[in-house]
């Protein structure tokens, strides 16, 4: 008879598979695709695979606490990306700050990006306001990291959507939360509002712009999703992983079939804000995302076209 499978425990005595989520990604059907995809307004995302994905997962540090639970995040997000149709090209662990940049540069210039419609990058690490921590304790500026993927530094990704998920603290402040008052269903007061007939026409401005040289911003076609807001901590459970990655996996698996990424991340914001609180003192968290996309972006799981 075969022996029992080996169970590995982390340093806190929690099985390393304890928090793995059980999910399957719902796929987009052809009727939904025909309603959602409008050429020119929606990014293509139909290749097989959709694109390459990179995961950087720092758990052990020279001068910071070990990030217990991040191995669960890594496994959960890897499964999600694979199920969404991405090829996880690399999962790198415990990288120094210099190595994080080096890996980002190499990945952003991977020759196969020219074959695919998009790419995804995940970083799981400690952080500060504008920085990600390497395993050596040195800091990587977030903007420097993101710039590795811009149109100048990654020409094979020019014009293609690049999606970043950054699970890291952005400060040391813990959010105690506030008492809620329900105003969500109140209708707006429209008295004195400006009618559309009083708004300036855009026709003249548009006609002036149509003859401008065709240039695109260098930093366009990116979306950066942060686990938390500036100055605040991001919470992580040693058995289940971070609130942010848990919510992404749960929500994206259910709703990617027919919702664009901004709608998905708004759901993630609500989930993290309303579902989770710290076991001690009931601390709260709200993620945020920076949208530099020029069109709507859908994952279109299960859809493949030439």
C-alpha atoms as a PDB file:
ATOM      1  CA  UNK A   1       0.000   0.000   0.000  1.00  0.00           C
ATOM      2  CA  UNK A   2       1.292   3.486  -0.766  1.00  0.00           C
ATOM      3  CA  UNK A   3       2.359   5.518   2.231  1.00  0.00           C
ATOM      4  CA  UNK A   4       0.560   8.617   3.402  1.00  0.00           C
ATOM      5  CA  UNK A   5       1.536  11.815   1.576  1.00  0.00           C
ATOM      6  CA  UNK A   6       4.112  13.958   3.332  1.00  0.00           C
ATOM      7  CA  UNK A   7       2.639  17.058   4.937  1.00  0.00           C
ATOM      8  CA  UNK A   8       4.963  20.025   5.291  1.00  0.00           C
ATOM      9  CA  UNK A   9       4.417  22.539   8.084  1.00  0.00           C
ATOM     10  CA  UNK A  10       5.529  26.149   8.284  1.00  0.00           C
ATOM     11  CA  UNK A  11       7.399  27.544  11.282  1.00  0.00           C
ATOM     12  CA  UNK A  12       4.113  28.253  13.079  1.00  0.00           C
ATOM     13  CA  UNK A  13       3.005  24.614  12.853  1.00  0.00           C
ATOM     14  CA  UNK A  14       0.427  25.259  10.111  1.00  0.00           C
ATOM     15  CA  UNK A  15       0.290  22.814   7.162  1.00  0.00           C
ATOM     16  CA  UNK A  16       1.573  24.588   4.050  1.00  0.00           C
ATOM     17  CA  UNK A  17      -1.511  23.459   2.082  1.00  0.00           C
ATOM     18  CA  UNK A  18      -4.017  24.511   4.763  1.00  0.00           C
ATOM     19  CA  UNK A  19      -5.151  27.678   3.016  1.00  0.00           C
ATOM     20  CA  UNK A  20      -5.266  26.517  -0.589  1.00  0.00           C
ATOM     21  CA  UNK A  21      -8.499  27.720  -2.156  1.00  0.00           C
ATOM     22  CA  UNK A  22     -10.775  25.297  -3.968  1.00  0.00           C
ATOM     23  CA  UNK A  23     -11.912  27.170  -7.074  1.00  0.00           C
ATOM     24  CA  UNK A  24     -12.497  26.711 -10.779  1.00  0.00           C
ATOM     25  CA  UNK A  25     -12.569  29.604 -13.225  1.00  0.00           C
ATOM     26  CA  UNK A  26     -15.909  30.103 -14.971  1.00  0.00           C
ATOM     27  CA  UNK A  27     -15.351  30.443 -18.732  1.00  0.00           C
ATOM     28  CA  UNK A  28     -16.706  33.004 -21.176  1.00  0.00           C
ATOM     29  CA  UNK A  29     -19.263  31.608 -23.622  1.00  0.00           C
ATOM     30  CA  UNK A  30     -19.597  32.724 -27.238  1.00  0.00           C
ATOM     31  CA  UNK A  31     -22.783  34.732 -26.637  1.00  0.00           C
ATOM     32  CA  UNK A  32     -21.136  36.699 -23.837  1.00  0.00           C
ATOM     33  CA  UNK A  33     -18.059  37.291 -25.982  1.00  0.00           C
ATOM     34  CA  UNK A  34     -20.144  38.711 -28.827  1.00  0.00           C
ATOM     35  CA  UNK A  35     -21.733  41.197 -26.414  1.00  0.00           C
ATOM     36  CA  UNK A  36     -18.512  42.250 -24.673  1.00  0.00           C
ATOM     37  CA  UNK A  37     -15.902  42.420 -27.403  1.00  0.00           C
ATOM     38  CA  UNK A  38     -16.061  45.643 -29.391  1.00  0.00           C
ATOM     39  CA  UNK A  39     -12.994  46.082 -31.565  1.00  0.00           C
ATOM     40  CA  UNK A  40     -11.223  49.323 -30.747  1.00  0.00           C
ATOM     41  CA  UNK A  41     -12.891  49.616 -27.341  1.00  0.00           C
ATOM     42  CA  UNK A  42     -11.715  46.330 -25.817  1.00  0.00           C
ATOM     43  CA  UNK A  43      -8.225  44.828 -25.800  1.00  0.00           C
ATOM     44  CA  UNK A  44      -7.698  41.569 -27.649  1.00  0.00           C
ATOM     45  CA  UNK A  45      -6.991  38.722 -25.234  1.00  0.00           C
ATOM     46  CA  UNK A  46      -7.531  35.575 -27.252  1.00  0.00           C
ATOM     47  CA  UNK A  47      -4.150  33.937 -27.832  1.00  0.00           C
ATOM     48  CA  UNK A  48      -3.229  30.579 -26.340  1.00  0.00           C
ATOM     49  CA  UNK A  49      -1.772  31.204 -23.873  1.00  0.00           C
ATOM     50  CA  UNK A  50      -3.179  34.679 -23.199  1.00  0.00           C
ATOM     51  CA  UNK A  51       0.328  35.726 -22.237  1.00  0.00           C
ATOM     52  CA  UNK A  52       3.256  35.039 -19.983  1.00  0.00           C
ATOM     53  CA  UNK A  53       3.090  35.565 -16.220  1.00  0.00           C
ATOM     54  CA  UNK A  54       5.816  36.245 -13.664  1.00  0.00           C
ATOM     55  CA  UNK A  55       5.502  35.635  -9.918  1.00  0.00           C
ATOM     56  CA  UNK A  56       8.087  36.977  -7.459  1.00  0.00           C
ATOM     57  CA  UNK A  57       7.470  35.575  -3.982  1.00  0.00           C
ATOM     58  CA  UNK A  58       9.736  36.765  -1.166  1.00  0.00           C
ATOM     59  CA  UNK A  59       9.245  34.916   2.089  1.00  0.00           C
ATOM     60  CA  UNK A  60      12.614  34.972   3.889  1.00  0.00           C
ATOM     61  CA  UNK A  61      14.509  38.210   4.536  1.00  0.00           C
ATOM     62  CA  UNK A  62      17.842  39.168   6.032  1.00  0.00           C
ATOM     63  CA  UNK A  63      16.391  41.946   8.184  1.00  0.00           C
ATOM     64  CA  UNK A  64      12.590  41.522   8.194  1.00  0.00           C
ATOM     65  CA  UNK A  65      10.170  38.976   9.627  1.00  0.00           C
ATOM     66  CA  UNK A  66       9.419  35.881   7.583  1.00  0.00           C
ATOM     67  CA  UNK A  67       6.224  36.267   5.564  1.00  0.00           C
ATOM     68  CA  UNK A  68       4.286  33.234   6.776  1.00  0.00           C
ATOM     69  CA  UNK A  69       1.400  32.346   4.470  1.00  0.00           C
ATOM     70  CA  UNK A  70       2.972  33.760   1.319  1.00  0.00           C
ATOM     71  CA  UNK A  71       3.524  30.222  -0.006  1.00  0.00           C
ATOM     72  CA  UNK A  72      -0.279  29.856   0.004  1.00  0.00           C
ATOM     73  CA  UNK A  73      -0.649  33.119  -1.909  1.00  0.00           C
ATOM     74  CA  UNK A  74       1.888  31.908  -4.456  1.00  0.00           C
ATOM     75  CA  UNK A  75       0.093  28.632  -5.086  1.00  0.00           C
ATOM     76  CA  UNK A  76      -3.362  30.221  -5.218  1.00  0.00           C
ATOM     77  CA  UNK A  77      -2.398  33.010  -7.625  1.00  0.00           C
ATOM     78  CA  UNK A  78      -0.434  30.608  -9.822  1.00  0.00           C
ATOM     79  CA  UNK A  79      -3.507  28.387 -10.183  1.00  0.00           C
ATOM     80  CA  UNK A  80      -5.700  31.387 -10.949  1.00  0.00           C
ATOM     81  CA  UNK A  81      -3.393  32.719 -13.658  1.00  0.00           C
ATOM     82  CA  UNK A  82      -3.029  29.271 -15.214  1.00  0.00           C
ATOM     83  CA  UNK A  83      -6.799  28.762 -15.203  1.00  0.00           C
ATOM     84  CA  UNK A  84      -7.298  32.204 -16.768  1.00  0.00           C
ATOM     85  CA  UNK A  85      -5.094  31.060 -19.636  1.00  0.00           C
ATOM     86  CA  UNK A  86      -1.637  32.401 -18.758  1.00  0.00           C
ATOM     87  CA  UNK A  87       1.640  30.530 -18.928  1.00  0.00           C
ATOM     88  CA  UNK A  88       3.443  31.127 -15.651  1.00  0.00           C
ATOM     89  CA  UNK A  89       6.910  31.465 -17.128  1.00  0.00           C
ATOM     90  CA  UNK A  90       8.696  31.929 -13.824  1.00  0.00           C
ATOM     91  CA  UNK A  91       8.063  31.756 -10.095  1.00  0.00           C
ATOM     92  CA  UNK A  92      11.068  33.241  -8.323  1.00  0.00           C
ATOM     93  CA  UNK A  93      11.581  33.078  -4.568  1.00  0.00           C
ATOM     94  CA  UNK A  94      13.491  35.250  -2.102  1.00  0.00           C
ATOM     95  CA  UNK A  95      15.072  37.639  -4.579  1.00  0.00           C
ATOM     96  CA  UNK A  96      17.338  40.490  -3.567  1.00  0.00           C
ATOM     97  CA  UNK A  97      16.343  43.969  -4.703  1.00  0.00           C
ATOM     98  CA  UNK A  98      18.873  43.870  -7.520  1.00  0.00           C
ATOM     99  CA  UNK A  99      17.684  40.428  -8.606  1.00  0.00           C
ATOM    100  CA  UNK A 100      14.058  41.613  -8.666  1.00  0.00           C
ATOM    101  CA  UNK A 101      14.950  44.280 -11.213  1.00  0.00           C
ATOM    102  CA  UNK A 102      17.138  41.895 -13.191  1.00  0.00           C
ATOM    103  CA  UNK A 103      14.355  39.286 -13.375  1.00  0.00           C
ATOM    104  CA  UNK A 104      11.797  41.955 -14.351  1.00  0.00           C
ATOM    105  CA  UNK A 105      14.020  43.230 -17.180  1.00  0.00           C
ATOM    106  CA  UNK A 106      14.647  39.736 -18.510  1.00  0.00           C
ATOM    107  CA  UNK A 107      10.977  38.771 -18.317  1.00  0.00           C
ATOM    108  CA  UNK A 108       9.760  42.013 -19.927  1.00  0.00           C
ATOM    109  CA  UNK A 109      11.998  41.323 -22.921  1.00  0.00           C
ATOM    110  CA  UNK A 110      11.081  37.652 -23.323  1.00  0.00           C
ATOM    111  CA  UNK A 111      10.886  36.945 -27.049  1.00  0.00           C
ATOM    112  CA  UNK A 112       7.535  35.155 -26.745  1.00  0.00           C
ATOM    113  CA  UNK A 113       5.698  38.322 -25.681  1.00  0.00           C
ATOM    114  CA  UNK A 114       5.368  39.136 -29.390  1.00  0.00           C
ATOM    115  CA  UNK A 115       3.160  36.042 -29.796  1.00  0.00           C
ATOM    116  CA  UNK A 116       0.650  36.819 -27.053  1.00  0.00           C
ATOM    117  CA  UNK A 117      -1.982  39.441 -26.238  1.00  0.00           C
ATOM    118  CA  UNK A 118      -1.180  40.444 -22.628  1.00  0.00           C
ATOM    119  CA  UNK A 119       0.999  39.704 -19.612  1.00  0.00           C
ATOM    120  CA  UNK A 120       0.646  39.488 -15.837  1.00  0.00           C
ATOM    121  CA  UNK A 121       3.134  40.196 -13.038  1.00  0.00           C
ATOM    122  CA  UNK A 122       2.678  39.324  -9.352  1.00  0.00           C
ATOM    123  CA  UNK A 123       4.954  40.475  -6.517  1.00  0.00           C
ATOM    124  CA  UNK A 124       4.493  39.110  -2.991  1.00  0.00           C
ATOM    125  CA  UNK A 125       6.855  40.757  -0.525  1.00  0.00           C
ATOM    126  CA  UNK A 126       7.327  43.255   2.290  1.00  0.00           C
ATOM    127  CA  UNK A 127       7.035  46.899   1.299  1.00  0.00           C
ATOM    128  CA  UNK A 128       7.009  50.548   2.227  1.00  0.00           C
ATOM    129  CA  UNK A 129       5.155  53.527   0.758  1.00  0.00           C
ATOM    130  CA  UNK A 130       6.702  53.603  -2.704  1.00  0.00           C
ATOM    131  CA  UNK A 131       8.981  50.594  -2.468  1.00  0.00           C
ATOM    132  CA  UNK A 132       9.106  46.803  -2.579  1.00  0.00           C
ATOM    133  CA  UNK A 133      11.543  44.953  -0.323  1.00  0.00           C
ATOM    134  CA  UNK A 134      14.135  42.546  -1.638  1.00  0.00           C
ATOM    135  CA  UNK A 135      15.107  39.559   0.466  1.00  0.00           C
ATOM    136  CA  UNK A 136      18.344  41.372   1.326  1.00  0.00           C
ATOM    137  CA  UNK A 137      16.409  44.253   2.895  1.00  0.00           C
ATOM    138  CA  UNK A 138      17.251  46.661   0.071  1.00  0.00           C
ATOM    139  CA  UNK A 139      14.367  48.537  -1.547  1.00  0.00           C
ATOM    140  CA  UNK A 140      13.065  48.569  -5.111  1.00  0.00           C
ATOM    141  CA  UNK A 141      11.194  51.692  -6.162  1.00  0.00           C
ATOM    142  CA  UNK A 142       7.761  50.629  -7.432  1.00  0.00           C
ATOM    143  CA  UNK A 143       7.925  53.058 -10.344  1.00  0.00           C
ATOM    144  CA  UNK A 144      11.366  51.802 -11.365  1.00  0.00           C
ATOM    145  CA  UNK A 145      10.027  48.243 -11.314  1.00  0.00           C
ATOM    146  CA  UNK A 146       6.967  49.132 -13.398  1.00  0.00           C
ATOM    147  CA  UNK A 147       9.078  51.083 -15.894  1.00  0.00           C
ATOM    148  CA  UNK A 148      10.817  47.844 -16.854  1.00  0.00           C
ATOM    149  CA  UNK A 149       7.600  47.063 -18.745  1.00  0.00           C
ATOM    150  CA  UNK A 150       6.960  50.374 -20.524  1.00  0.00           C
ATOM    151  CA  UNK A 151       6.952  50.817 -24.288  1.00  0.00           C
ATOM    152  CA  UNK A 152      10.579  51.938 -24.384  1.00  0.00           C
ATOM    153  CA  UNK A 153      12.042  49.216 -22.183  1.00  0.00           C
ATOM    154  CA  UNK A 154       9.755  46.385 -23.341  1.00  0.00           C
ATOM    155  CA  UNK A 155       8.961  47.054 -27.025  1.00  0.00           C
ATOM    156  CA  UNK A 156       7.425  43.600 -27.531  1.00  0.00           C
ATOM    157  CA  UNK A 157       4.727  44.582 -25.000  1.00  0.00           C
ATOM    158  CA  UNK A 158       3.970  47.957 -26.575  1.00  0.00           C
ATOM    159  CA  UNK A 159       0.222  48.492 -26.890  1.00  0.00           C
ATOM    160  CA  UNK A 160      -0.565  45.310 -24.973  1.00  0.00           C
ATOM    161  CA  UNK A 161      -2.236  45.277 -21.536  1.00  0.00           C
ATOM    162  CA  UNK A 162       0.147  44.618 -18.659  1.00  0.00           C
ATOM    163  CA  UNK A 163      -1.483  43.722 -15.339  1.00  0.00           C
ATOM    164  CA  UNK A 164       0.388  43.990 -12.019  1.00  0.00           C
ATOM    165  CA  UNK A 165      -0.678  42.621  -8.633  1.00  0.00           C
ATOM    166  CA  UNK A 166       1.471  43.962  -5.779  1.00  0.00           C
ATOM    167  CA  UNK A 167       0.874  42.280  -2.420  1.00  0.00           C
ATOM    168  CA  UNK A 168       2.975  44.335  -0.008  1.00  0.00           C
ATOM    169  CA  UNK A 169       2.595  46.782   2.847  1.00  0.00           C
ATOM    170  CA  UNK A 170       2.876  50.460   1.882  1.00  0.00           C
ATOM    171  CA  UNK A 171       3.516  51.786   5.374  1.00  0.00           C
ATOM    172  CA  UNK A 172       3.152  50.903   9.052  1.00  0.00           C
ATOM    173  CA  UNK A 173      -0.242  52.475   9.813  1.00  0.00           C
ATOM    174  CA  UNK A 174      -2.988  50.077  10.891  1.00  0.00           C
ATOM    175  CA  UNK A 175      -6.513  51.102   9.930  1.00  0.00           C
ATOM    176  CA  UNK A 176      -8.923  50.821  12.892  1.00  0.00           C
ATOM    177  CA  UNK A 177     -11.890  51.374  10.568  1.00  0.00           C
ATOM    178  CA  UNK A 178     -14.916  53.578  11.170  1.00  0.00           C
ATOM    179  CA  UNK A 179     -18.550  52.967  12.040  1.00  0.00           C
ATOM    180  CA  UNK A 180     -20.707  52.687   8.924  1.00  0.00           C
ATOM    181  CA  UNK A 181     -23.826  54.663   8.038  1.00  0.00           C
ATOM    182  CA  UNK A 182     -25.907  53.243   5.195  1.00  0.00           C
ATOM    183  CA  UNK A 183     -26.329  55.868   2.467  1.00  0.00           C
ATOM    184  CA  UNK A 184     -25.667  53.555  -0.459  1.00  0.00           C
ATOM    185  CA  UNK A 185     -29.268  53.367  -1.715  1.00  0.00           C
ATOM    186  CA  UNK A 186     -30.211  57.033  -1.527  1.00  0.00           C
ATOM    187  CA  UNK A 187     -31.151  58.585  -4.864  1.00  0.00           C
ATOM    188  CA  UNK A 188     -29.109  61.606  -5.959  1.00  0.00           C
ATOM    189  CA  UNK A 189     -30.615  65.081  -5.770  1.00  0.00           C
ATOM    190  CA  UNK A 190     -30.585  66.403  -9.332  1.00  0.00           C
ATOM    191  CA  UNK A 191     -31.946  69.891  -8.605  1.00  0.00           C
ATOM    192  CA  UNK A 192     -29.709  72.545 -10.044  1.00  0.00           C
ATOM    193  CA  UNK A 193     -27.607  70.042 -11.943  1.00  0.00           C
ATOM    194  CA  UNK A 194     -26.198  71.062 -15.313  1.00  0.00           C
ATOM    195  CA  UNK A 195     -27.990  69.631 -18.333  1.00  0.00           C
ATOM    196  CA  UNK A 196     -26.007  68.155 -21.187  1.00  0.00           C
ATOM    197  CA  UNK A 197     -27.204  70.976 -23.458  1.00  0.00           C
ATOM    198  CA  UNK A 198     -25.154  73.438 -21.388  1.00  0.00           C
ATOM    199  CA  UNK A 199     -21.925  71.474 -21.666  1.00  0.00           C
ATOM    200  CA  UNK A 200     -19.293  72.593 -24.195  1.00  0.00           C
ATOM    201  CA  UNK A 201     -19.204  70.635 -27.432  1.00  0.00           C
ATOM    202  CA  UNK A 202     -16.237  68.340 -27.951  1.00  0.00           C
ATOM    203  CA  UNK A 203     -16.591  68.232 -31.739  1.00  0.00           C
ATOM    204  CA  UNK A 204     -14.217  71.115 -32.353  1.00  0.00           C
ATOM    205  CA  UNK A 205     -11.597  69.713 -30.007  1.00  0.00           C
ATOM    206  CA  UNK A 206     -11.854  66.274 -31.589  1.00  0.00           C
ATOM    207  CA  UNK A 207     -11.492  67.663 -35.087  1.00  0.00           C
ATOM    208  CA  UNK A 208      -8.350  69.487 -34.017  1.00  0.00           C
ATOM    209  CA  UNK A 209      -6.841  66.329 -32.552  1.00  0.00           C
ATOM    210  CA  UNK A 210      -7.430  64.093 -35.561  1.00  0.00           C
ATOM    211  CA  UNK A 211      -4.417  65.487 -37.433  1.00  0.00           C
ATOM    212  CA  UNK A 212      -1.985  65.158 -34.523  1.00  0.00           C
ATOM    213  CA  UNK A 213       1.015  62.838 -34.952  1.00  0.00           C
ATOM    214  CA  UNK A 214       0.327  59.284 -33.839  1.00  0.00           C
ATOM    215  CA  UNK A 215       2.182  58.910 -30.568  1.00  0.00           C
ATOM    216  CA  UNK A 216       1.320  56.953 -27.466  1.00  0.00           C
ATOM    217  CA  UNK A 217       2.364  57.598 -23.862  1.00  0.00           C
ATOM    218  CA  UNK A 218       5.348  55.504 -22.834  1.00  0.00           C
ATOM    219  CA  UNK A 219       3.694  54.311 -19.615  1.00  0.00           C
ATOM    220  CA  UNK A 220       0.290  53.456 -21.132  1.00  0.00           C
ATOM    221  CA  UNK A 221      -1.548  50.117 -21.234  1.00  0.00           C
ATOM    222  CA  UNK A 222      -0.826  49.145 -17.636  1.00  0.00           C
ATOM    223  CA  UNK A 223      -2.959  48.451 -14.595  1.00  0.00           C
ATOM    224  CA  UNK A 224      -1.315  48.288 -11.173  1.00  0.00           C
ATOM    225  CA  UNK A 225      -3.328  46.721  -8.346  1.00  0.00           C
ATOM    226  CA  UNK A 226      -2.040  47.450  -4.843  1.00  0.00           C
ATOM    227  CA  UNK A 227      -3.056  45.418  -1.806  1.00  0.00           C
ATOM    228  CA  UNK A 228      -3.524  48.559   0.262  1.00  0.00           C
ATOM    229  CA  UNK A 229      -3.374  52.337   0.182  1.00  0.00           C
ATOM    230  CA  UNK A 230      -0.264  54.493   0.788  1.00  0.00           C
ATOM    231  CA  UNK A 231       1.048  54.528   4.380  1.00  0.00           C
ATOM    232  CA  UNK A 232      -1.013  51.483   5.435  1.00  0.00           C
ATOM    233  CA  UNK A 233      -0.201  47.860   6.208  1.00  0.00           C
ATOM    234  CA  UNK A 234      -1.529  44.932   4.207  1.00  0.00           C
ATOM    235  CA  UNK A 235      -2.819  42.005   6.240  1.00  0.00           C
ATOM    236  CA  UNK A 236      -1.837  38.370   5.739  1.00  0.00           C
ATOM    237  CA  UNK A 237      -2.958  35.186   7.508  1.00  0.00           C
ATOM    238  CA  UNK A 238      -0.237  32.586   8.129  1.00  0.00           C
ATOM    239  CA  UNK A 239      -2.605  29.726   7.228  1.00  0.00           C
ATOM    240  CA  UNK A 240      -4.667  31.260   4.414  1.00  0.00           C
ATOM    241  CA  UNK A 241      -2.449  33.912   2.853  1.00  0.00           C
ATOM    242  CA  UNK A 242      -3.186  37.592   2.324  1.00  0.00           C
ATOM    243  CA  UNK A 243      -6.674  39.068   2.240  1.00  0.00           C
ATOM    244  CA  UNK A 244      -5.885  40.669  -1.126  1.00  0.00           C
ATOM    245  CA  UNK A 245      -4.787  37.517  -2.957  1.00  0.00           C
ATOM    246  CA  UNK A 246      -7.590  35.447  -1.400  1.00  0.00           C
ATOM    247  CA  UNK A 247     -10.152  37.956  -2.663  1.00  0.00           C
ATOM    248  CA  UNK A 248      -8.601  38.175  -6.131  1.00  0.00           C
ATOM    249  CA  UNK A 249      -8.716  34.399  -6.551  1.00  0.00           C
ATOM    250  CA  UNK A 250     -12.274  34.070  -5.270  1.00  0.00           C
ATOM    251  CA  UNK A 251     -13.690  36.963  -7.292  1.00  0.00           C
ATOM    252  CA  UNK A 252     -11.741  36.566 -10.521  1.00  0.00           C
ATOM    253  CA  UNK A 253     -12.608  32.864 -10.715  1.00  0.00           C
ATOM    254  CA  UNK A 254     -16.336  33.651 -10.538  1.00  0.00           C
ATOM    255  CA  UNK A 255     -16.655  36.886 -12.486  1.00  0.00           C
ATOM    256  CA  UNK A 256     -13.847  37.070 -15.073  1.00  0.00           C
ATOM    257  CA  UNK A 257     -16.158  35.415 -17.579  1.00  0.00           C
ATOM    258  CA  UNK A 258     -18.152  38.604 -18.110  1.00  0.00           C
ATOM    259  CA  UNK A 259     -16.593  41.515 -16.182  1.00  0.00           C
ATOM    260  CA  UNK A 260     -13.672  43.780 -17.071  1.00  0.00           C
ATOM    261  CA  UNK A 261     -10.717  44.087 -14.744  1.00  0.00           C
ATOM    262  CA  UNK A 262     -11.761  47.426 -13.234  1.00  0.00           C
ATOM    263  CA  UNK A 263     -15.101  45.914 -12.224  1.00  0.00           C
ATOM    264  CA  UNK A 264     -13.321  42.862 -10.836  1.00  0.00           C
ATOM    265  CA  UNK A 265     -10.935  44.940  -8.753  1.00  0.00           C
ATOM    266  CA  UNK A 266     -13.790  47.085  -7.449  1.00  0.00           C
ATOM    267  CA  UNK A 267     -15.351  43.841  -6.212  1.00  0.00           C
ATOM    268  CA  UNK A 268     -12.004  42.969  -4.622  1.00  0.00           C
ATOM    269  CA  UNK A 269     -11.956  46.350  -2.872  1.00  0.00           C
ATOM    270  CA  UNK A 270     -15.396  45.691  -1.426  1.00  0.00           C
ATOM    271  CA  UNK A 271     -14.540  42.127  -0.413  1.00  0.00           C
ATOM    272  CA  UNK A 272     -11.352  43.079   1.425  1.00  0.00           C
ATOM    273  CA  UNK A 273     -13.048  46.066   3.068  1.00  0.00           C
ATOM    274  CA  UNK A 274     -16.202  44.279   4.204  1.00  0.00           C
ATOM    275  CA  UNK A 275     -15.366  40.603   4.664  1.00  0.00           C
ATOM    276  CA  UNK A 276     -12.031  40.781   6.450  1.00  0.00           C
ATOM    277  CA  UNK A 277     -10.772  42.171   9.740  1.00  0.00           C
ATOM    278  CA  UNK A 278      -7.696  41.369  11.800  1.00  0.00           C
ATOM    279  CA  UNK A 279      -8.087  38.863  14.623  1.00  0.00           C
ATOM    280  CA  UNK A 280      -6.632  41.403  17.038  1.00  0.00           C
ATOM    281  CA  UNK A 281      -8.447  44.754  17.363  1.00  0.00           C
ATOM    282  CA  UNK A 282     -10.489  44.241  14.165  1.00  0.00           C
ATOM    283  CA  UNK A 283      -8.193  46.238  11.881  1.00  0.00           C
ATOM    284  CA  UNK A 284      -9.359  46.935   8.323  1.00  0.00           C
ATOM    285  CA  UNK A 285      -7.839  47.308   4.848  1.00  0.00           C
ATOM    286  CA  UNK A 286      -8.808  48.742   1.457  1.00  0.00           C
ATOM    287  CA  UNK A 287      -6.879  47.962  -1.737  1.00  0.00           C
ATOM    288  CA  UNK A 288      -6.509  50.383  -4.629  1.00  0.00           C
ATOM    289  CA  UNK A 289      -5.592  50.205  -8.300  1.00  0.00           C
ATOM    290  CA  UNK A 290      -4.019  52.595 -10.778  1.00  0.00           C
ATOM    291  CA  UNK A 291      -5.534  52.350 -14.253  1.00  0.00           C
ATOM    292  CA  UNK A 292      -3.423  53.334 -17.260  1.00  0.00           C
ATOM    293  CA  UNK A 293      -5.366  51.160 -19.687  1.00  0.00           C
ATOM    294  CA  UNK A 294      -6.809  52.805 -22.802  1.00  0.00           C
ATOM    295  CA  UNK A 295      -9.508  50.213 -23.421  1.00  0.00           C
ATOM    296  CA  UNK A 296     -11.546  47.768 -21.395  1.00  0.00           C
ATOM    297  CA  UNK A 297      -9.647  44.624 -20.474  1.00  0.00           C
ATOM    298  CA  UNK A 298     -11.330  41.237 -20.100  1.00  0.00           C
ATOM    299  CA  UNK A 299      -9.584  37.947 -19.379  1.00  0.00           C
ATOM    300  CA  UNK A 300     -12.051  36.015 -21.597  1.00  0.00           C
ATOM    301  CA  UNK A 301     -11.208  32.680 -19.917  1.00  0.00           C
ATOM    302  CA  UNK A 302     -11.771  29.702 -22.208  1.00  0.00           C
ATOM    303  CA  UNK A 303     -11.863  31.798 -25.405  1.00  0.00           C
ATOM    304  CA  UNK A 304      -9.103  31.246 -27.956  1.00  0.00           C
ATOM    305  CA  UNK A 305      -8.984  32.773 -31.418  1.00  0.00           C
ATOM    306  CA  UNK A 306      -6.382  33.374 -34.097  1.00  0.00           C
END
